[in-house]
Amino acid sequence: MKRTPVKSSNIKEVGYDHDEKILQLRFKSGGVHNYSPVGMELYLRFLRSPSKGKFFCSNIKNNKLIKSEKE
């Protein structure tokens, strides 16, 4: 999955698989987490949010983790 750099104090890159509805986040700490299902609208709201970390904590973090790994 192709990832794009984002401006965030904790999140380094973000990727999205439209077909599988998977949001992939690479954290500055080195961890890579996949979240699903994340619809396109939620993904776009995440990208537009002024604080990626706050949006992530409020809307994604607690109920969608499907895979976590260290890069």
N, C-alpha and C. Protein backbone atom coordinates (compact mmCIF):
# COMPACT_ATOMS: atom_id res chain seq x y z
N MET A 1 0.85 -1.17 0.00
CA MET A 1 0.00 0.00 0.00
C MET A 1 0.90 1.24 0.00
N LYS A 2 0.63 2.15 -0.89
CA LYS A 2 1.39 3.39 -0.97
C LYS A 2 0.98 4.31 0.18
N ARG A 3 1.99 4.86 0.87
CA ARG A 3 1.71 5.78 1.97
C ARG A 3 2.20 7.18 1.61
N THR A 4 1.51 8.17 2.15
CA THR A 4 1.82 9.57 1.92
C THR A 4 2.20 10.23 3.23
N PRO A 5 3.26 11.03 3.25
CA PRO A 5 3.63 11.74 4.48
C PRO A 5 2.54 12.74 4.88
N VAL A 6 2.34 12.90 6.19
CA VAL A 6 1.40 13.89 6.72
C VAL A 6 2.09 14.72 7.79
N LYS A 7 1.54 15.90 8.03
CA LYS A 7 2.04 16.76 9.10
C LYS A 7 1.34 16.38 10.39
N SER A 8 2.09 15.81 11.30
CA SER A 8 1.55 15.37 12.58
C SER A 8 2.72 15.14 13.53
N SER A 9 2.47 15.34 14.80
CA SER A 9 3.53 15.12 15.77
C SER A 9 3.75 13.63 16.04
N ASN A 10 2.76 12.78 15.76
CA ASN A 10 2.87 11.34 16.03
C ASN A 10 2.79 10.45 14.80
N ILE A 11 2.07 10.88 13.78
CA ILE A 11 1.84 10.06 12.60
C ILE A 11 2.77 10.52 11.48
N LYS A 12 3.51 9.58 10.91
CA LYS A 12 4.48 9.91 9.87
C LYS A 12 3.88 9.82 8.47
N GLU A 13 3.15 8.71 8.21
CA GLU A 13 2.59 8.48 6.88
C GLU A 13 1.22 7.82 6.99
N VAL A 14 0.43 8.02 5.95
CA VAL A 14 -0.89 7.41 5.90
C VAL A 14 -1.11 6.78 4.53
N GLY A 15 -1.74 5.61 4.53
CA GLY A 15 -2.10 4.94 3.29
C GLY A 15 -3.55 4.49 3.36
N TYR A 16 -4.16 4.27 2.20
CA TYR A 16 -5.56 3.85 2.19
C TYR A 16 -5.80 2.88 1.04
N ASP A 17 -6.47 1.78 1.34
CA ASP A 17 -6.89 0.80 0.35
C ASP A 17 -8.40 0.94 0.20
N HIS A 18 -8.82 1.53 -0.91
CA HIS A 18 -10.25 1.81 -1.14
C HIS A 18 -11.07 0.53 -1.20
N ASP A 19 -10.57 -0.49 -1.89
CA ASP A 19 -11.33 -1.73 -2.06
C ASP A 19 -11.56 -2.45 -0.74
N GLU A 20 -10.53 -2.51 0.10
CA GLU A 20 -10.63 -3.22 1.38
C GLU A 20 -11.05 -2.32 2.54
N LYS A 21 -11.12 -1.00 2.28
CA LYS A 21 -11.47 0.00 3.31
C LYS A 21 -10.51 -0.07 4.50
N ILE A 22 -9.21 -0.17 4.17
CA ILE A 22 -8.17 -0.25 5.20
C ILE A 22 -7.39 1.06 5.23
N LEU A 23 -7.31 1.65 6.41
CA LEU A 23 -6.47 2.81 6.66
C LEU A 23 -5.19 2.32 7.32
N GLN A 24 -4.05 2.68 6.75
CA GLN A 24 -2.77 2.26 7.31
C GLN A 24 -2.03 3.50 7.79
N LEU A 25 -1.61 3.47 9.06
CA LEU A 25 -0.87 4.57 9.64
C LEU A 25 0.52 4.10 10.04
N ARG A 26 1.52 4.86 9.65
CA ARG A 26 2.89 4.61 10.11
C ARG A 26 3.22 5.71 11.09
N PHE A 27 3.50 5.31 12.31
CA PHE A 27 3.77 6.27 13.37
C PHE A 27 5.25 6.62 13.41
N LYS A 28 5.57 7.78 13.93
CA LYS A 28 6.96 8.21 14.03
C LYS A 28 7.76 7.29 14.94
N SER A 29 7.09 6.58 15.82
CA SER A 29 7.75 5.61 16.70
C SER A 29 8.19 4.35 15.95
N GLY A 30 7.70 4.19 14.71
CA GLY A 30 8.07 3.04 13.89
C GLY A 30 6.97 2.02 13.72
N GLY A 31 5.91 2.08 14.50
CA GLY A 31 4.82 1.13 14.38
C GLY A 31 3.95 1.41 13.16
N VAL A 32 3.42 0.34 12.58
CA VAL A 32 2.48 0.44 11.47
C VAL A 32 1.20 -0.25 11.90
N HIS A 33 0.08 0.48 11.85
CA HIS A 33 -1.20 -0.07 12.28
C HIS A 33 -2.18 0.02 11.12
N ASN A 34 -2.96 -1.04 10.94
CA ASN A 34 -4.02 -1.08 9.93
C ASN A 34 -5.36 -1.05 10.63
N TYR A 35 -6.27 -0.22 10.12
CA TYR A 35 -7.60 -0.06 10.69
C TYR A 35 -8.64 -0.31 9.62
N SER A 36 -9.69 -1.08 9.99
CA SER A 36 -10.76 -1.38 9.05
C SER A 36 -12.02 -1.78 9.82
N PRO A 37 -13.19 -1.49 9.31
CA PRO A 37 -13.43 -0.76 8.07
C PRO A 37 -13.36 0.76 8.30
N VAL A 38 -12.70 1.43 7.39
CA VAL A 38 -12.65 2.89 7.38
C VAL A 38 -13.13 3.33 6.00
N GLY A 39 -14.31 3.92 5.97
CA GLY A 39 -14.88 4.36 4.70
C GLY A 39 -14.13 5.54 4.12
N MET A 40 -14.33 5.77 2.83
CA MET A 40 -13.65 6.86 2.13
C MET A 40 -13.95 8.22 2.77
N GLU A 41 -15.19 8.44 3.18
CA GLU A 41 -15.56 9.73 3.79
C GLU A 41 -14.77 9.96 5.08
N LEU A 42 -14.66 8.94 5.91
CA LEU A 42 -13.90 9.07 7.16
C LEU A 42 -12.42 9.31 6.85
N TYR A 43 -11.88 8.61 5.87
CA TYR A 43 -10.49 8.80 5.46
C TYR A 43 -10.25 10.25 5.00
N LEU A 44 -11.14 10.77 4.17
CA LEU A 44 -10.98 12.15 3.68
C LEU A 44 -11.11 13.16 4.81
N ARG A 45 -12.02 12.92 5.75
CA ARG A 45 -12.14 13.80 6.91
C ARG A 45 -10.85 13.77 7.73
N PHE A 46 -10.25 12.60 7.87
CA PHE A 46 -8.98 12.46 8.58
C PHE A 46 -7.90 13.30 7.88
N LEU A 47 -7.80 13.18 6.56
CA LEU A 47 -6.78 13.93 5.82
C LEU A 47 -6.97 15.44 5.94
N ARG A 48 -8.22 15.90 5.99
CA ARG A 48 -8.50 17.34 6.08
C ARG A 48 -8.42 17.88 7.49
N SER A 49 -8.37 17.03 8.47
CA SER A 49 -8.39 17.49 9.86
C SER A 49 -7.12 18.27 10.20
N PRO A 50 -7.26 19.36 10.95
CA PRO A 50 -6.08 20.15 11.33
C PRO A 50 -5.16 19.40 12.29
N SER A 51 -5.73 18.48 13.07
CA SER A 51 -4.93 17.67 13.99
C SER A 51 -5.20 16.20 13.71
N LYS A 52 -4.27 15.57 13.02
CA LYS A 52 -4.44 14.15 12.68
C LYS A 52 -4.52 13.29 13.93
N GLY A 53 -3.70 13.61 14.94
CA GLY A 53 -3.69 12.82 16.17
C GLY A 53 -5.00 12.88 16.92
N LYS A 54 -5.57 14.08 17.04
CA LYS A 54 -6.85 14.23 17.74
C LYS A 54 -7.96 13.53 16.98
N PHE A 55 -7.98 13.68 15.66
CA PHE A 55 -9.00 13.02 14.86
C PHE A 55 -8.88 11.51 14.98
N PHE A 56 -7.66 11.01 14.90
CA PHE A 56 -7.41 9.58 15.04
C PHE A 56 -7.92 9.07 16.38
N CYS A 57 -7.58 9.75 17.47
CA CYS A 57 -8.00 9.31 18.80
C CYS A 57 -9.51 9.35 18.97
N SER A 58 -10.16 10.35 18.39
CA SER A 58 -11.60 10.51 18.55
C SER A 58 -12.43 9.61 17.64
N ASN A 59 -11.92 9.28 16.47
CA ASN A 59 -12.76 8.63 15.46
C ASN A 59 -12.30 7.26 14.96
N ILE A 60 -11.07 6.87 15.22
CA ILE A 60 -10.55 5.65 14.62
C ILE A 60 -9.93 4.70 15.64
N LYS A 61 -9.15 5.21 16.55
CA LYS A 61 -8.27 4.41 17.41
C LYS A 61 -8.95 3.29 18.19
N ASN A 62 -10.06 3.56 18.83
CA ASN A 62 -10.62 2.62 19.82
C ASN A 62 -11.40 1.45 19.26
N ASN A 63 -11.78 1.46 18.00
CA ASN A 63 -12.68 0.38 17.58
C ASN A 63 -12.38 -0.24 16.22
N LYS A 64 -11.24 0.04 15.61
CA LYS A 64 -11.05 -0.45 14.26
C LYS A 64 -9.70 -1.13 14.00
N LEU A 65 -8.85 -1.31 15.00
CA LEU A 65 -7.53 -1.90 14.75
C LEU A 65 -7.65 -3.34 14.29
N ILE A 66 -7.04 -3.66 13.16
CA ILE A 66 -7.06 -5.04 12.69
C ILE A 66 -5.67 -5.67 12.64
N LYS A 67 -4.63 -4.83 12.59
CA LYS A 67 -3.27 -5.37 12.51
C LYS A 67 -2.28 -4.32 12.99
N SER A 68 -1.32 -4.77 13.76
CA SER A 68 -0.27 -3.88 14.26
C SER A 68 1.07 -4.56 14.06
N GLU A 69 2.05 -3.80 13.58
CA GLU A 69 3.38 -4.36 13.36
C GLU A 69 4.43 -3.29 13.57
N LYS A 70 5.64 -3.72 13.71
CA LYS A 70 6.77 -2.80 13.86
C LYS A 70 7.54 -2.82 12.55
N GLU A 71 7.90 -1.62 12.05
CA GLU A 71 8.67 -1.55 10.81
C GLU A 71 10.12 -1.33 11.10
